[in-house]
Amino acid sequence: MLSVLAAISGAIAIAAGAFGAHGASGQAADWLRTGGMYQLIHAVAVLVAVQQRATGPGWAMLGGAALFSATLYSMALGAPRWFGAITPIGGAAMIVGWLWLAWLLLRR
């Protein structure tokens, strides 16, 4: 299931990036580009984590990327700017996922 969600996340990231490049301008385009980049990188990272049988870190990365990107996408589509205060929570979850993955790999 985690792999399926990572693949869907990758597709959403590409769609957001494309919309940012061709259908948005200014700050909205930047938010879509940033959200898409982080979401896509973490979709691939989650697939790697799954291959390493590290589903905990994968869930942390996927959830963090979803929260991080969703808040940026929401603001790009007109949500209040205070959504930006939520974005770092997603970033922190992504960092936790990477550190957790590193710890698991070192233990092997």
C-alpha atoms as a PDB file:
ATOM      1  CA  MET A   1       0.000   0.000   0.000  1.00  0.00           C
ATOM      2  CA  LEU A   2       2.844   2.385   0.820  1.00  0.00           C
ATOM      3  CA  SER A   3       4.316   1.855  -2.661  1.00  0.00           C
ATOM      4  CA  VAL A   4       0.961   2.553  -4.297  1.00  0.00           C
ATOM      5  CA  LEU A   5       0.578   5.778  -2.325  1.00  0.00           C
ATOM      6  CA  ALA A   6       4.131   6.796  -3.221  1.00  0.00           C
ATOM      7  CA  ALA A   7       3.359   6.271  -6.912  1.00  0.00           C
ATOM      8  CA  ILE A   8       0.170   8.338  -6.635  1.00  0.00           C
ATOM      9  CA  SER A   9       2.138  10.994  -4.775  1.00  0.00           C
ATOM     10  CA  GLY A  10       4.623  11.114  -7.646  1.00  0.00           C
ATOM     11  CA  ALA A  11       1.806  11.632 -10.140  1.00  0.00           C
ATOM     12  CA  ILE A  12       0.313  14.445  -8.043  1.00  0.00           C
ATOM     13  CA  ALA A  13       3.743  16.068  -7.816  1.00  0.00           C
ATOM     14  CA  ILE A  14       4.137  16.077 -11.596  1.00  0.00           C
ATOM     15  CA  ALA A  15       0.656  17.539 -12.048  1.00  0.00           C
ATOM     16  CA  ALA A  16       1.341  20.287  -9.491  1.00  0.00           C
ATOM     17  CA  GLY A  17       4.681  21.123 -11.087  1.00  0.00           C
ATOM     18  CA  ALA A  18       3.121  21.259 -14.545  1.00  0.00           C
ATOM     19  CA  PHE A  19       0.347  23.525 -13.310  1.00  0.00           C
ATOM     20  CA  GLY A  20       2.973  25.729 -11.656  1.00  0.00           C
ATOM     21  CA  ALA A  21       4.930  25.937 -14.887  1.00  0.00           C
ATOM     22  CA  HIS A  22       2.025  26.494 -17.258  1.00  0.00           C
ATOM     23  CA  GLY A  23      -1.065  27.604 -15.366  1.00  0.00           C
ATOM     24  CA  ALA A  24       0.081  29.777 -12.487  1.00  0.00           C
ATOM     25  CA  SER A  25       2.268  32.801 -12.040  1.00  0.00           C
ATOM     26  CA  GLY A  26       4.135  34.691  -9.338  1.00  0.00           C
ATOM     27  CA  GLN A  27       4.210  33.311  -5.819  1.00  0.00           C
ATOM     28  CA  ALA A  28       1.601  30.644  -6.660  1.00  0.00           C
ATOM     29  CA  ALA A  29       3.895  29.178  -9.342  1.00  0.00           C
ATOM     30  CA  ASP A  30       6.795  29.140  -6.871  1.00  0.00           C
ATOM     31  CA  TRP A  31       4.707  27.337  -4.254  1.00  0.00           C
ATOM     32  CA  LEU A  32       3.551  24.751  -6.789  1.00  0.00           C
ATOM     33  CA  ARG A  33       7.109  24.218  -8.029  1.00  0.00           C
ATOM     34  CA  THR A  34       8.513  23.847  -4.518  1.00  0.00           C
ATOM     35  CA  GLY A  35       5.731  21.545  -3.343  1.00  0.00           C
ATOM     36  CA  GLY A  36       6.026  19.425  -6.471  1.00  0.00           C
ATOM     37  CA  MET A  37       9.789  19.088  -6.156  1.00  0.00           C
ATOM     38  CA  TYR A  38       9.689  17.986  -2.518  1.00  0.00           C
ATOM     39  CA  GLN A  39       6.750  15.666  -3.102  1.00  0.00           C
ATOM     40  CA  LEU A  40       8.370  13.998  -6.106  1.00  0.00           C
ATOM     41  CA  ILE A  41      11.734  13.515  -4.396  1.00  0.00           C
ATOM     42  CA  HIS A  42      10.017  11.945  -1.418  1.00  0.00           C
ATOM     43  CA  ALA A  43       7.800   9.707  -3.561  1.00  0.00           C
ATOM     44  CA  VAL A  44      10.994   8.176  -4.960  1.00  0.00           C
ATOM     45  CA  ALA A  45      12.608   8.073  -1.503  1.00  0.00           C
ATOM     46  CA  VAL A  46       9.595   6.188  -0.150  1.00  0.00           C
ATOM     47  CA  LEU A  47       9.941   3.585  -2.888  1.00  0.00           C
ATOM     48  CA  VAL A  48      13.593   3.146  -1.917  1.00  0.00           C
ATOM     49  CA  ALA A  49      12.628   2.879   1.766  1.00  0.00           C
ATOM     50  CA  VAL A  50      10.080   0.180   0.908  1.00  0.00           C
ATOM     51  CA  GLN A  51      12.749  -1.744  -1.005  1.00  0.00           C
ATOM     52  CA  GLN A  52      14.907  -1.563   2.123  1.00  0.00           C
ATOM     53  CA  ARG A  53      11.978  -2.825   4.226  1.00  0.00           C
ATOM     54  CA  ALA A  54      11.927   0.469   6.114  1.00  0.00           C
ATOM     55  CA  THR A  55       8.228   1.230   6.083  1.00  0.00           C
ATOM     56  CA  GLY A  56       8.267   3.422   9.199  1.00  0.00           C
ATOM     57  CA  PRO A  57      10.606   5.953   7.641  1.00  0.00           C
ATOM     58  CA  GLY A  58       8.653   5.646   4.408  1.00  0.00           C
ATOM     59  CA  TRP A  59       5.419   6.610   6.137  1.00  0.00           C
ATOM     60  CA  ALA A  60       7.131   9.557   7.848  1.00  0.00           C
ATOM     61  CA  MET A  61       8.497  10.783   4.519  1.00  0.00           C
ATOM     62  CA  LEU A  62       5.232  10.274   2.654  1.00  0.00           C
ATOM     63  CA  GLY A  63       3.117  11.927   5.340  1.00  0.00           C
ATOM     64  CA  GLY A  64       5.563  14.780   5.726  1.00  0.00           C
ATOM     65  CA  ALA A  65       5.749  15.385   1.993  1.00  0.00           C
ATOM     66  CA  ALA A  66       1.960  15.280   1.728  1.00  0.00           C
ATOM     67  CA  LEU A  67       1.508  17.826   4.507  1.00  0.00           C
ATOM     68  CA  PHE A  68       4.351  20.049   3.273  1.00  0.00           C
ATOM     69  CA  SER A  69       3.153  20.042  -0.316  1.00  0.00           C
ATOM     70  CA  ALA A  70      -0.568  20.226   0.422  1.00  0.00           C
ATOM     71  CA  THR A  71      -0.161  23.423   2.398  1.00  0.00           C
ATOM     72  CA  LEU A  72       1.831  25.012  -0.436  1.00  0.00           C
ATOM     73  CA  TYR A  73      -0.672  23.815  -3.049  1.00  0.00           C
ATOM     74  CA  SER A  74      -3.532  25.145  -0.942  1.00  0.00           C
ATOM     75  CA  MET A  75      -1.965  28.589  -0.689  1.00  0.00           C
ATOM     76  CA  ALA A  76      -1.269  28.575  -4.433  1.00  0.00           C
ATOM     77  CA  LEU A  77      -4.972  27.932  -4.984  1.00  0.00           C
ATOM     78  CA  GLY A  78      -6.059  30.748  -2.659  1.00  0.00           C
ATOM     79  CA  ALA A  79      -5.993  29.372   0.874  1.00  0.00           C
ATOM     80  CA  PRO A  80      -5.048  31.844   3.622  1.00  0.00           C
ATOM     81  CA  ARG A  81      -1.339  32.528   4.077  1.00  0.00           C
ATOM     82  CA  TRP A  82      -1.450  31.161   7.636  1.00  0.00           C
ATOM     83  CA  PHE A  83      -1.431  27.688   6.047  1.00  0.00           C
ATOM     84  CA  GLY A  84       2.278  28.388   5.594  1.00  0.00           C
ATOM     85  CA  ALA A  85       2.675  27.969   9.353  1.00  0.00           C
ATOM     86  CA  ILE A  86       1.727  24.288   8.943  1.00  0.00           C
ATOM     87  CA  THR A  87       4.290  23.630   6.204  1.00  0.00           C
ATOM     88  CA  PRO A  88       7.302  23.195   8.553  1.00  0.00           C
ATOM     89  CA  ILE A  89       5.536  20.351  10.359  1.00  0.00           C
ATOM     90  CA  GLY A  90       5.629  18.405   7.111  1.00  0.00           C
ATOM     91  CA  GLY A  91       9.263  19.376   6.642  1.00  0.00           C
ATOM     92  CA  ALA A  92      10.111  18.112  10.105  1.00  0.00           C
ATOM     93  CA  ALA A  93       8.388  14.781   9.372  1.00  0.00           C
ATOM     94  CA  MET A  94      10.449  14.415   6.188  1.00  0.00           C
ATOM     95  CA  ILE A  95      13.646  15.069   8.152  1.00  0.00           C
ATOM     96  CA  VAL A  96      12.595  12.498  10.768  1.00  0.00           C
ATOM     97  CA  GLY A  97      11.971   9.982   7.992  1.00  0.00           C
ATOM     98  CA  TRP A  98      15.440  10.494   6.525  1.00  0.00           C
ATOM     99  CA  LEU A  99      17.155  10.271   9.914  1.00  0.00           C
ATOM    100  CA  TRP A 100      15.111   7.203  10.856  1.00  0.00           C
ATOM    101  CA  LEU A 101      16.069   5.547   7.558  1.00  0.00           C
ATOM    102  CA  ALA A 102      19.745   6.351   8.162  1.00  0.00           C
ATOM    103  CA  TRP A 103      19.541   4.885  11.669  1.00  0.00           C
ATOM    104  CA  LEU A 104      17.926   1.677  10.401  1.00  0.00           C
ATOM    105  CA  LEU A 105      20.499   1.303   7.659  1.00  0.00           C
ATOM    106  CA  LEU A 106      23.369   1.849  10.084  1.00  0.00           C
ATOM    107  CA  ARG A 107      21.984  -0.825  12.394  1.00  0.00           C
ATOM    108  CA  ARG A 108      22.190  -3.358   9.576  1.00  0.00           C
END
